[in-house]
Amino acid sequence: MYIPTKQAGAALVVCLVLMLLLTVISANALRSTTLQERMAGNERDTLAAFQAAEAGLRAAEQLLESSATLSFNGSGGLFSFCDDANQTKCNPPDWGDRSATNWRAVTSFSSALDSDPQFYIEEYGELSTKVASLAADAPPETFTMYRITARGFGLSDSSMVVL
């Protein structure tokens, strides 16, 4: 025999609370996944910029090792180290300024990067070694020192790595 009873709606309230909990958990999982995707994208962008800067360093080393006579006159990414900061040939560009035009670009580097890798070389002139020969007839060894600064850009315009 069936006895009708009055329903209080407890099952509906329990179901709504469970649905609310599942929604909160899903929203947090989505936010976490989105954050991880951004971090992976930024890491990829940074690694691409780093590899481009490395390519800039290698291109500068190849230029120095070539048999061509280089003129360190402040143009084409070649600068001299001077004590007088007012001379143009002594003022290398600011590495953070993306609009600087006196960098030397590595145009043989083909990729989908935002910009070509760039570098500049500073010549410090001839220096002598600190440990010289004690022989009276031997001249001290000299060498020319250079400093290479290279920068590479990633897949977006917001990433840059300087080496």
N, C-alpha and C. Protein backbone atom coordinates (compact mmCIF):
# COMPACT_ATOMS: atom_id res chain seq x y z
N MET A 1 0.82 -1.16 0.00
CA MET A 1 0.00 0.00 0.00
C MET A 1 0.88 1.24 0.00
N TYR A 2 0.49 2.20 -0.81
CA TYR A 2 1.27 3.42 -0.99
C TYR A 2 0.75 4.50 -0.08
N ILE A 3 1.73 5.11 0.71
CA ILE A 3 1.36 6.21 1.61
C ILE A 3 2.07 7.47 1.11
N PRO A 4 1.35 8.46 0.61
CA PRO A 4 2.00 9.69 0.14
C PRO A 4 2.59 10.47 1.32
N THR A 5 3.85 10.95 1.10
CA THR A 5 4.50 11.77 2.13
C THR A 5 4.91 13.10 1.50
N LYS A 6 5.11 14.04 2.32
CA LYS A 6 5.50 15.37 1.86
C LYS A 6 7.02 15.40 1.68
N GLN A 7 7.50 15.87 0.53
CA GLN A 7 8.93 15.91 0.25
C GLN A 7 9.51 17.21 0.78
N ALA A 8 10.74 17.11 1.36
CA ALA A 8 11.40 18.30 1.92
C ALA A 8 12.41 18.90 0.95
N GLY A 9 12.82 18.20 -0.13
CA GLY A 9 13.76 18.73 -1.13
C GLY A 9 15.21 18.60 -0.73
N ALA A 10 15.55 17.69 0.15
CA ALA A 10 16.93 17.52 0.60
C ALA A 10 17.82 17.02 -0.53
N ALA A 11 17.32 16.18 -1.39
CA ALA A 11 18.13 15.66 -2.50
C ALA A 11 18.51 16.78 -3.47
N LEU A 12 17.62 17.70 -3.68
CA LEU A 12 17.91 18.83 -4.56
C LEU A 12 19.02 19.71 -3.98
N VAL A 13 18.99 19.99 -2.71
CA VAL A 13 20.01 20.81 -2.05
C VAL A 13 21.37 20.11 -2.09
N VAL A 14 21.38 18.81 -1.84
CA VAL A 14 22.64 18.05 -1.88
C VAL A 14 23.21 18.05 -3.29
N CYS A 15 22.38 17.85 -4.28
CA CYS A 15 22.85 17.86 -5.67
C CYS A 15 23.39 19.23 -6.07
N LEU A 16 22.74 20.29 -5.66
CA LEU A 16 23.21 21.64 -5.99
C LEU A 16 24.56 21.93 -5.33
N VAL A 17 24.74 21.50 -4.09
CA VAL A 17 26.03 21.71 -3.40
C VAL A 17 27.13 20.92 -4.11
N LEU A 18 26.83 19.66 -4.49
CA LEU A 18 27.82 18.86 -5.21
C LEU A 18 28.16 19.49 -6.57
N MET A 19 27.18 20.02 -7.28
CA MET A 19 27.43 20.69 -8.56
C MET A 19 28.30 21.94 -8.37
N LEU A 20 28.05 22.66 -7.30
CA LEU A 20 28.86 23.84 -7.01
C LEU A 20 30.31 23.45 -6.72
N LEU A 21 30.52 22.40 -5.98
CA LEU A 21 31.88 21.92 -5.69
C LEU A 21 32.58 21.47 -6.97
N LEU A 22 31.89 20.75 -7.83
CA LEU A 22 32.48 20.32 -9.10
C LEU A 22 32.82 21.51 -9.99
N THR A 23 32.02 22.55 -9.98
CA THR A 23 32.29 23.75 -10.77
C THR A 23 33.53 24.46 -10.27
N VAL A 24 33.68 24.59 -8.96
CA VAL A 24 34.86 25.24 -8.38
C VAL A 24 36.12 24.44 -8.69
N ILE A 25 36.05 23.14 -8.56
CA ILE A 25 37.22 22.29 -8.86
C ILE A 25 37.58 22.40 -10.34
N SER A 26 36.59 22.40 -11.23
CA SER A 26 36.85 22.50 -12.67
C SER A 26 37.46 23.86 -13.02
N ALA A 27 36.96 24.92 -12.41
CA ALA A 27 37.50 26.26 -12.69
C ALA A 27 38.96 26.36 -12.25
N ASN A 28 39.29 25.79 -11.09
CA ASN A 28 40.69 25.81 -10.63
C ASN A 28 41.58 24.98 -11.53
N ALA A 29 41.10 23.84 -12.00
CA ALA A 29 41.90 23.02 -12.91
C ALA A 29 42.13 23.76 -14.23
N LEU A 30 41.14 24.45 -14.73
CA LEU A 30 41.28 25.21 -15.96
C LEU A 30 42.28 26.35 -15.79
N ARG A 31 42.22 27.04 -14.67
CA ARG A 31 43.15 28.14 -14.40
C ARG A 31 44.58 27.61 -14.29
N SER A 32 44.76 26.49 -13.63
CA SER A 32 46.09 25.89 -13.50
C SER A 32 46.64 25.46 -14.85
N THR A 33 45.81 24.86 -15.69
CA THR A 33 46.24 24.45 -17.02
C THR A 33 46.62 25.64 -17.88
N THR A 34 45.84 26.71 -17.81
CA THR A 34 46.15 27.92 -18.57
C THR A 34 47.48 28.51 -18.12
N LEU A 35 47.74 28.54 -16.83
CA LEU A 35 49.00 29.07 -16.31
C LEU A 35 50.17 28.23 -16.78
N GLN A 36 50.01 26.91 -16.76
CA GLN A 36 51.09 26.04 -17.21
C GLN A 36 51.35 26.21 -18.71
N GLU A 37 50.32 26.43 -19.50
CA GLU A 37 50.49 26.68 -20.93
C GLU A 37 51.26 27.99 -21.16
N ARG A 38 50.94 29.00 -20.39
CA ARG A 38 51.67 30.27 -20.51
C ARG A 38 53.14 30.10 -20.14
N MET A 39 53.40 29.38 -19.06
CA MET A 39 54.78 29.17 -18.64
C MET A 39 55.56 28.39 -19.70
N ALA A 40 54.94 27.39 -20.29
CA ALA A 40 55.61 26.62 -21.34
C ALA A 40 55.88 27.50 -22.57
N GLY A 41 54.95 28.35 -22.92
CA GLY A 41 55.14 29.26 -24.05
C GLY A 41 56.25 30.27 -23.79
N ASN A 42 56.29 30.80 -22.58
CA ASN A 42 57.36 31.74 -22.22
C ASN A 42 58.72 31.07 -22.23
N GLU A 43 58.78 29.83 -21.76
CA GLU A 43 60.04 29.09 -21.77
C GLU A 43 60.51 28.84 -23.20
N ARG A 44 59.59 28.49 -24.06
CA ARG A 44 59.92 28.27 -25.48
C ARG A 44 60.43 29.56 -26.11
N ASP A 45 59.77 30.67 -25.81
CA ASP A 45 60.17 31.97 -26.35
C ASP A 45 61.56 32.36 -25.85
N THR A 46 61.83 32.13 -24.57
CA THR A 46 63.13 32.47 -24.00
C THR A 46 64.24 31.59 -24.59
N LEU A 47 63.97 30.32 -24.75
CA LEU A 47 64.97 29.42 -25.35
C LEU A 47 65.26 29.79 -26.80
N ALA A 48 64.25 30.19 -27.55
CA ALA A 48 64.47 30.62 -28.93
C ALA A 48 65.33 31.88 -28.96
N ALA A 49 65.08 32.82 -28.05
CA ALA A 49 65.89 34.05 -27.98
C ALA A 49 67.32 33.73 -27.57
N PHE A 50 67.49 32.78 -26.64
CA PHE A 50 68.83 32.39 -26.21
C PHE A 50 69.61 31.77 -27.36
N GLN A 51 68.97 30.90 -28.11
CA GLN A 51 69.65 30.26 -29.24
C GLN A 51 70.00 31.29 -30.31
N ALA A 52 69.14 32.29 -30.51
CA ALA A 52 69.44 33.33 -31.48
C ALA A 52 70.63 34.18 -31.02
N ALA A 53 70.70 34.47 -29.71
CA ALA A 53 71.84 35.22 -29.19
C ALA A 53 73.13 34.41 -29.32
N GLU A 54 73.05 33.11 -29.10
CA GLU A 54 74.21 32.24 -29.31
C GLU A 54 74.66 32.29 -30.77
N ALA A 55 73.70 32.30 -31.69
CA ALA A 55 74.05 32.39 -33.11
C ALA A 55 74.73 33.73 -33.40
N GLY A 56 74.30 34.79 -32.72
CA GLY A 56 74.97 36.08 -32.87
C GLY A 56 76.41 36.04 -32.38
N LEU A 57 76.65 35.37 -31.26
CA LEU A 57 78.02 35.23 -30.76
C LEU A 57 78.88 34.46 -31.75
N ARG A 58 78.35 33.37 -32.30
CA ARG A 58 79.12 32.56 -33.25
C ARG A 58 79.43 33.36 -34.51
N ALA A 59 78.48 34.16 -34.98
CA ALA A 59 78.71 34.96 -36.18
C ALA A 59 79.80 36.01 -35.92
N ALA A 60 79.80 36.60 -34.73
CA ALA A 60 80.83 37.58 -34.39
C ALA A 60 82.20 36.92 -34.29
N GLU A 61 82.25 35.73 -33.71
CA GLU A 61 83.53 35.01 -33.64
C GLU A 61 84.04 34.66 -35.03
N GLN A 62 83.14 34.26 -35.92
CA GLN A 62 83.56 33.95 -37.28
C GLN A 62 84.06 35.19 -38.00
N LEU A 63 83.44 36.34 -37.72
CA LEU A 63 83.90 37.58 -38.32
C LEU A 63 85.30 37.93 -37.84
N LEU A 64 85.56 37.74 -36.54
CA LEU A 64 86.88 38.04 -36.00
C LEU A 64 87.93 37.06 -36.53
N GLU A 65 87.54 35.81 -36.73
CA GLU A 65 88.48 34.80 -37.20
C GLU A 65 88.73 34.88 -38.71
N SER A 66 87.89 35.62 -39.41
CA SER A 66 88.09 35.73 -40.86
C SER A 66 89.35 36.54 -41.13
N SER A 67 89.85 36.41 -42.32
CA SER A 67 91.10 37.10 -42.66
C SER A 67 90.86 38.54 -43.07
N ALA A 68 89.61 38.99 -43.04
CA ALA A 68 89.31 40.36 -43.44
C ALA A 68 89.83 41.35 -42.41
N THR A 69 90.32 42.48 -42.89
CA THR A 69 90.76 43.54 -42.00
C THR A 69 89.54 44.33 -41.57
N LEU A 70 89.32 44.41 -40.28
CA LEU A 70 88.13 45.08 -39.75
C LEU A 70 88.50 46.49 -39.30
N SER A 71 87.61 47.41 -39.57
CA SER A 71 87.81 48.79 -39.16
C SER A 71 86.88 49.09 -37.98
N PHE A 72 87.44 49.25 -36.81
CA PHE A 72 86.65 49.51 -35.61
C PHE A 72 86.44 51.02 -35.48
N ASN A 73 85.52 51.54 -36.31
CA ASN A 73 85.28 52.98 -36.38
C ASN A 73 83.92 53.40 -35.84
N GLY A 74 83.21 52.50 -35.20
CA GLY A 74 81.92 52.86 -34.61
C GLY A 74 80.74 52.62 -35.53
N SER A 75 80.95 51.99 -36.66
CA SER A 75 79.83 51.68 -37.54
C SER A 75 79.84 50.19 -37.84
N GLY A 76 78.68 49.69 -38.21
CA GLY A 76 78.57 48.27 -38.56
C GLY A 76 78.82 47.34 -37.40
N GLY A 77 78.60 47.79 -36.19
CA GLY A 77 78.77 46.93 -35.03
C GLY A 77 80.20 46.76 -34.57
N LEU A 78 81.13 47.58 -35.05
CA LEU A 78 82.54 47.49 -34.67
C LEU A 78 82.96 48.77 -33.97
N PHE A 79 83.37 48.64 -32.71
CA PHE A 79 83.71 49.80 -31.88
C PHE A 79 85.09 49.62 -31.27
N SER A 80 85.73 50.73 -30.97
CA SER A 80 87.00 50.72 -30.25
C SER A 80 86.74 51.10 -28.81
N PHE A 81 87.58 50.57 -27.92
CA PHE A 81 87.48 50.96 -26.52
C PHE A 81 88.34 52.20 -26.34
N CYS A 82 87.75 53.28 -25.86
CA CYS A 82 88.47 54.55 -25.65
C CYS A 82 88.13 55.08 -24.28
N ASP A 83 89.04 55.90 -23.77
CA ASP A 83 88.76 56.58 -22.51
C ASP A 83 87.88 57.80 -22.72
N ASP A 84 87.93 58.37 -23.92
CA ASP A 84 87.13 59.54 -24.24
C ASP A 84 85.74 59.09 -24.67
N ALA A 85 84.75 59.29 -23.84
CA ALA A 85 83.40 58.78 -24.11
C ALA A 85 82.65 59.62 -25.13
N ASN A 86 83.19 60.74 -25.58
CA ASN A 86 82.50 61.60 -26.52
C ASN A 86 82.73 61.19 -27.97
N GLN A 87 83.62 60.29 -28.24
CA GLN A 87 83.89 59.87 -29.61
C GLN A 87 82.87 58.82 -30.04
N THR A 88 82.41 58.95 -31.26
CA THR A 88 81.39 58.04 -31.78
C THR A 88 81.90 56.62 -31.87
N LYS A 89 83.15 56.45 -32.27
CA LYS A 89 83.67 55.09 -32.44
C LYS A 89 83.85 54.37 -31.12
N CYS A 90 83.72 55.09 -30.01
CA CYS A 90 83.93 54.50 -28.69
C CYS A 90 82.64 54.23 -27.95
N ASN A 91 81.52 54.61 -28.49
CA ASN A 91 80.24 54.46 -27.79
C ASN A 91 79.42 53.32 -28.38
N PRO A 92 79.53 52.13 -27.82
CA PRO A 92 78.68 51.04 -28.33
C PRO A 92 77.22 51.30 -27.97
N PRO A 93 76.31 50.69 -28.69
CA PRO A 93 74.89 50.92 -28.43
C PRO A 93 74.45 50.32 -27.10
N ASP A 94 73.37 50.87 -26.60
CA ASP A 94 72.75 50.33 -25.39
C ASP A 94 72.05 49.03 -25.76
N TRP A 95 72.39 47.95 -25.07
CA TRP A 95 71.84 46.65 -25.45
C TRP A 95 70.34 46.54 -25.20
N GLY A 96 69.79 47.39 -24.36
CA GLY A 96 68.35 47.32 -24.09
C GLY A 96 67.51 48.11 -25.08
N ASP A 97 68.15 48.94 -25.91
CA ASP A 97 67.43 49.78 -26.87
C ASP A 97 67.20 49.00 -28.15
N ARG A 98 65.96 48.59 -28.40
CA ARG A 98 65.66 47.80 -29.60
C ARG A 98 65.72 48.63 -30.86
N SER A 99 65.67 49.95 -30.74
CA SER A 99 65.68 50.79 -31.94
C SER A 99 67.09 51.20 -32.35
N ALA A 100 68.11 50.78 -31.62
CA ALA A 100 69.48 51.16 -31.97
C ALA A 100 69.85 50.56 -33.33
N THR A 101 70.47 51.37 -34.17
CA THR A 101 70.74 50.95 -35.55
C THR A 101 72.18 50.55 -35.78
N ASN A 102 73.07 50.75 -34.81
CA ASN A 102 74.48 50.46 -35.07
C ASN A 102 74.90 49.07 -34.57
N TRP A 103 73.98 48.14 -34.52
CA TRP A 103 74.28 46.73 -34.30
C TRP A 103 74.52 46.07 -35.66
N ARG A 104 75.22 44.98 -35.67
CA ARG A 104 75.39 44.20 -36.90
C ARG A 104 74.44 43.02 -36.82
N ALA A 105 73.59 42.89 -37.81
CA ALA A 105 72.58 41.82 -37.82
C ALA A 105 73.15 40.56 -38.47
N VAL A 106 72.68 39.44 -37.99
CA VAL A 106 73.05 38.14 -38.57
C VAL A 106 71.93 37.78 -39.52
N THR A 107 72.09 38.13 -40.79
CA THR A 107 71.00 37.93 -41.76
C THR A 107 70.96 36.50 -42.28
N SER A 108 72.01 35.73 -42.08
CA SER A 108 72.00 34.35 -42.56
C SER A 108 71.24 33.42 -41.63
N PHE A 109 70.76 33.94 -40.52
CA PHE A 109 70.03 33.15 -39.54
C PHE A 109 68.56 33.15 -39.96
N SER A 110 68.08 32.02 -40.46
CA SER A 110 66.70 31.96 -40.95
C SER A 110 65.84 31.23 -39.94
N SER A 111 64.80 31.89 -39.50
CA SER A 111 63.86 31.27 -38.58
C SER A 111 62.61 32.13 -38.52
N ALA A 112 61.72 31.76 -37.65
CA ALA A 112 60.46 32.50 -37.48
C ALA A 112 60.54 33.45 -36.30
N LEU A 113 61.73 33.95 -35.99
CA LEU A 113 61.89 34.84 -34.85
C LEU A 113 61.36 36.23 -35.16
N ASP A 114 61.16 37.02 -34.12
CA ASP A 114 60.65 38.38 -34.28
C ASP A 114 61.64 39.25 -35.05
N SER A 115 62.94 39.12 -34.77
CA SER A 115 63.99 39.89 -35.44
C SER A 115 65.23 39.02 -35.57
N ASP A 116 66.12 39.42 -36.48
CA ASP A 116 67.38 38.71 -36.63
C ASP A 116 68.26 38.94 -35.40
N PRO A 117 69.12 37.97 -35.06
CA PRO A 117 70.08 38.19 -33.98
C PRO A 117 71.04 39.32 -34.37
N GLN A 118 71.55 40.02 -33.37
CA GLN A 118 72.45 41.15 -33.60
C GLN A 118 73.64 41.07 -32.66
N PHE A 119 74.73 41.72 -33.04
CA PHE A 119 75.90 41.76 -32.17
C PHE A 119 76.70 43.02 -32.43
N TYR A 120 77.56 43.35 -31.48
CA TYR A 120 78.61 44.34 -31.73
C TYR A 120 79.87 43.87 -31.04
N ILE A 121 81.00 44.33 -31.57
CA ILE A 121 82.31 43.92 -31.07
C ILE A 121 83.06 45.17 -30.63
N GLU A 122 83.64 45.10 -29.44
CA GLU A 122 84.51 46.18 -28.96
C GLU A 122 85.95 45.69 -28.97
N GLU A 123 86.82 46.47 -29.58
CA GLU A 123 88.23 46.14 -29.62
C GLU A 123 88.93 46.87 -28.47
N TYR A 124 89.63 46.12 -27.65
CA TYR A 124 90.33 46.71 -26.52
C TYR A 124 91.79 46.99 -26.83
N GLY A 125 92.24 46.65 -28.01
CA GLY A 125 93.62 46.94 -28.40
C GLY A 125 94.57 45.85 -27.95
N GLU A 126 95.86 46.13 -28.13
CA GLU A 126 96.88 45.15 -27.79
C GLU A 126 97.20 45.22 -26.30
N LEU A 127 97.24 44.06 -25.69
CA LEU A 127 97.58 43.93 -24.28
C LEU A 127 98.73 42.96 -24.17
N SER A 128 99.50 43.09 -23.12
CA SER A 128 100.59 42.13 -22.91
C SER A 128 100.23 41.17 -21.80
N THR A 129 100.82 40.00 -21.85
CA THR A 129 100.52 39.00 -20.84
C THR A 129 101.18 39.39 -19.52
N LYS A 130 100.56 39.00 -18.44
CA LYS A 130 101.13 39.31 -17.12
C LYS A 130 102.30 38.40 -16.80
N VAL A 131 102.27 37.19 -17.31
CA VAL A 131 103.36 36.26 -17.08
C VAL A 131 104.25 36.31 -18.32
N ALA A 132 105.32 37.07 -18.23
CA ALA A 132 106.21 37.25 -19.37
C ALA A 132 107.45 36.39 -19.19
N SER A 133 108.14 36.18 -20.28
CA SER A 133 109.38 35.42 -20.25
C SER A 133 110.45 36.20 -19.51
N LEU A 134 111.31 35.49 -18.80
CA LEU A 134 112.40 36.15 -18.09
C LEU A 134 113.63 36.34 -18.98
N ALA A 135 113.55 35.85 -20.19
CA ALA A 135 114.67 36.01 -21.11
C ALA A 135 114.78 37.48 -21.52
N ALA A 136 116.00 37.99 -21.51
CA ALA A 136 116.21 39.41 -21.79
C ALA A 136 115.96 39.73 -23.25
N ASP A 137 116.17 38.79 -24.14
CA ASP A 137 116.02 39.08 -25.56
C ASP A 137 114.63 38.74 -26.10
N ALA A 138 113.72 38.25 -25.26
CA ALA A 138 112.38 37.88 -25.71
C ALA A 138 111.40 39.02 -25.41
N PRO A 139 110.73 39.52 -26.43
CA PRO A 139 109.73 40.57 -26.18
C PRO A 139 108.51 39.97 -25.47
N PRO A 140 107.79 40.76 -24.70
CA PRO A 140 106.59 40.22 -24.03
C PRO A 140 105.53 39.85 -25.06
N GLU A 141 104.80 38.79 -24.77
CA GLU A 141 103.73 38.38 -25.66
C GLU A 141 102.60 39.39 -25.59
N THR A 142 102.06 39.71 -26.75
CA THR A 142 100.90 40.61 -26.80
C THR A 142 99.76 39.90 -27.51
N PHE A 143 98.58 40.34 -27.22
CA PHE A 143 97.38 39.82 -27.87
C PHE A 143 96.35 40.93 -27.93
N THR A 144 95.42 40.79 -28.83
CA THR A 144 94.33 41.75 -28.96
C THR A 144 93.09 41.17 -28.31
N MET A 145 92.47 41.96 -27.46
CA MET A 145 91.29 41.49 -26.74
C MET A 145 90.04 42.16 -27.31
N TYR A 146 88.99 41.37 -27.44
CA TYR A 146 87.72 41.85 -27.95
C TYR A 146 86.62 41.46 -26.97
N ARG A 147 85.59 42.27 -26.93
CA ARG A 147 84.39 41.90 -26.17
C ARG A 147 83.22 41.88 -27.15
N ILE A 148 82.51 40.76 -27.17
CA ILE A 148 81.37 40.59 -28.06
C ILE A 148 80.10 40.64 -27.23
N THR A 149 79.16 41.46 -27.65
CA THR A 149 77.84 41.51 -27.02
C THR A 149 76.83 41.14 -28.10
N ALA A 150 76.05 40.12 -27.82
CA ALA A 150 75.05 39.66 -28.79
C ALA A 150 73.69 39.63 -28.12
N ARG A 151 72.68 39.88 -28.92
CA ARG A 151 71.31 39.78 -28.42
C ARG A 151 70.46 39.05 -29.44
N GLY A 152 69.57 38.25 -28.90
CA GLY A 152 68.66 37.48 -29.74
C GLY A 152 67.23 37.74 -29.32
N PHE A 153 66.35 37.65 -30.25
CA PHE A 153 64.94 37.90 -29.99
C PHE A 153 64.16 36.62 -30.17
N GLY A 154 63.12 36.47 -29.40
CA GLY A 154 62.33 35.25 -29.44
C GLY A 154 61.24 35.30 -30.47
N LEU A 155 60.23 34.47 -30.27
CA LEU A 155 59.12 34.36 -31.22
C LEU A 155 58.16 35.52 -31.11
N SER A 156 58.16 36.21 -29.98
CA SER A 156 57.32 37.40 -29.80
C SER A 156 58.21 38.62 -29.64
N ASP A 157 57.63 39.78 -29.70
CA ASP A 157 58.42 41.01 -29.59
C ASP A 157 58.73 41.36 -28.14
N SER A 158 58.30 40.57 -27.20
CA SER A 158 58.53 40.90 -25.79
C SER A 158 59.70 40.15 -25.17
N SER A 159 60.40 39.33 -25.94
CA SER A 159 61.51 38.56 -25.37
C SER A 159 62.82 38.95 -26.04
N MET A 160 63.85 39.07 -25.21
CA MET A 160 65.19 39.37 -25.69
C MET A 160 66.19 38.79 -24.71
N VAL A 161 67.23 38.15 -25.23
CA VAL A 161 68.29 37.60 -24.41
C VAL A 161 69.58 38.26 -24.86
N VAL A 162 70.38 38.75 -23.90
CA VAL A 162 71.65 39.40 -24.19
C VAL A 162 72.77 38.56 -23.61
N LEU A 163 73.77 38.25 -24.44
CA LEU A 163 74.94 37.49 -24.01
C LEU A 163 76.17 38.31 -24.29
